[in-house]
Protein backbone atom coordinates (compact mmCIF):
# COMPACT_ATOMS: atom_id res chain seq x y z
CA UNK A 1 64.26 48.95 152.96
CA UNK A 2 63.20 52.60 152.99
CA UNK A 3 66.33 53.57 151.06
CA UNK A 4 65.15 51.46 148.11
CA UNK A 5 61.61 52.90 148.16
CA UNK A 6 62.20 55.60 145.49
CA UNK A 7 64.02 53.12 143.24
CA UNK A 8 61.20 50.59 143.52
CA UNK A 9 58.63 53.31 142.88
CA UNK A 10 60.50 54.41 139.76
CA UNK A 11 60.75 50.81 138.61
CA UNK A 12 57.02 50.33 139.15
CA UNK A 13 56.14 53.50 137.23
CA UNK A 14 58.47 52.47 134.39
CA UNK A 15 56.93 49.01 134.12
CA UNK A 16 53.43 50.52 134.26
CA UNK A 17 54.26 52.96 131.44
CA UNK A 18 55.69 50.22 129.27
CA UNK A 19 52.68 48.00 129.82
CA UNK A 20 50.35 50.96 129.14
CA UNK A 21 52.19 51.62 125.88
CA UNK A 22 51.85 48.00 124.81
CA UNK A 23 48.18 47.97 125.76
CA UNK A 24 47.49 51.21 123.91
CA UNK A 25 49.24 49.99 120.77
CA UNK A 26 47.28 46.74 120.94
CA UNK A 27 44.05 48.66 121.35
CA UNK A 28 44.69 51.10 118.48
CA UNK A 29 46.39 48.70 116.06
CA UNK A 30 44.75 47.88 112.74
CA UNK A 31 44.41 44.16 112.14
CA UNK A 32 46.43 43.10 109.10
CA UNK A 33 47.34 39.79 107.58
CA UNK A 34 51.11 39.43 107.27
CA UNK A 35 50.89 38.11 103.70
CA UNK A 36 49.10 41.27 102.53
CA UNK A 37 51.68 43.72 103.86
CA UNK A 38 55.05 43.80 102.05
CA UNK A 39 58.20 44.69 104.01
CA UNK A 40 58.68 48.42 104.43
CA UNK A 41 61.69 49.78 102.57
CA UNK A 42 61.53 53.54 102.71
CA UNK A 43 58.20 53.53 100.89
CA UNK A 44 59.60 51.84 97.81
CA UNK A 45 58.72 48.35 96.63
CA UNK A 46 61.27 45.74 97.60
CA UNK A 47 63.89 44.97 94.94
CA UNK A 48 65.60 42.12 96.78
CA UNK A 49 64.85 39.61 99.49
CA UNK A 50 64.71 40.93 103.05
CA UNK A 51 67.48 38.60 104.28
CA UNK A 52 69.83 39.03 101.31
CA UNK A 53 73.51 39.39 102.04
CA UNK A 54 75.44 42.62 101.92
CA UNK A 55 78.30 43.03 99.49
CA UNK A 56 81.68 42.39 101.06
CA UNK A 57 82.88 45.95 100.38
CA UNK A 58 80.54 47.24 103.10
CA UNK A 59 82.45 45.48 105.88
CA UNK A 60 85.68 47.56 105.70
CA UNK A 61 83.60 50.73 105.47
CA UNK A 62 81.73 49.62 108.58
CA UNK A 63 84.97 48.95 110.44
CA UNK A 64 86.36 52.38 109.54
CA UNK A 65 83.09 53.96 110.69
CA UNK A 66 83.29 52.07 113.98
CA UNK A 67 86.87 53.26 114.47
CA UNK A 68 85.80 56.88 114.12
CA UNK A 69 82.72 56.25 116.23
CA UNK A 70 84.91 54.92 119.04
CA UNK A 71 87.10 57.99 118.64
CA UNK A 72 84.16 60.28 119.27
CA UNK A 73 82.98 58.11 122.16
CA UNK A 74 86.39 58.57 123.77
CA UNK A 75 86.84 62.26 122.92
CA UNK A 76 83.63 63.62 124.47
CA UNK A 77 84.44 62.62 128.06
CA UNK A 78 88.07 63.54 127.44
CA UNK A 79 87.09 67.16 126.79
CA UNK A 80 85.58 67.32 130.27
CA UNK A 81 88.63 66.02 132.14
CA UNK A 82 91.48 67.45 130.07
CA UNK A 83 91.69 70.60 132.20
CA UNK A 84 91.82 68.61 135.44
CA UNK A 85 94.27 65.91 134.35
CA UNK A 86 96.55 68.14 132.28
CA UNK A 87 99.31 67.18 129.90
CA UNK A 88 98.99 63.45 130.54
CA UNK A 89 95.49 63.43 129.07
CA UNK A 90 96.64 65.34 125.98
CA UNK A 91 99.43 62.83 125.41
CA UNK A 92 97.01 59.96 125.91
CA UNK A 93 94.58 61.42 123.36
CA UNK A 94 97.29 61.91 120.77
CA UNK A 95 98.47 58.32 121.28
CA UNK A 96 94.89 57.14 120.80
CA UNK A 97 94.52 59.23 117.64
CA UNK A 98 97.85 57.91 116.36
CA UNK A 99 96.61 54.34 116.77
CA UNK A 100 93.42 55.21 114.90
CA UNK A 101 95.40 56.96 112.18
CA UNK A 102 97.60 53.87 111.81
CA UNK A 103 94.43 51.77 111.38
CA UNK A 104 93.02 54.13 108.75
CA UNK A 105 96.33 54.24 106.88
CA UNK A 106 96.44 50.43 106.91
CA UNK A 107 92.88 50.26 105.60
CA UNK A 108 93.76 52.80 102.91
CA UNK A 109 96.86 50.84 101.92
CA UNK A 110 94.89 47.59 101.70
CA UNK A 111 92.27 49.27 99.51
CA UNK A 112 89.43 49.16 102.01
CA UNK A 113 88.49 52.74 101.19
CA UNK A 114 88.46 52.10 97.44
CA UNK A 115 84.85 51.62 96.37
CA UNK A 116 85.29 49.69 93.12
């Protein structure tokens, strides 16, 4: 049980800090009626409903962004191990980039990157 002491102490401190944050925000909060406060939209008045749908052209852009986001998520740790693993890791990275490039070329061919 003594080996879990520091972990339990850290957990207790974390829970105490979270509860203190909630308590402090409750104490310092200004009381407002929800009907009086419009939704925040970058400081501008709302031009559309808060739960309106996005245009369909945003979905392919989002998928391309996620593809490049996954690329970066994979490349950062790869830079740390490439010197230890060697040529195999370089080949693996280029295969991964080739798969991503094939996906981007497919999206380009299908017109997903065309805005209008």
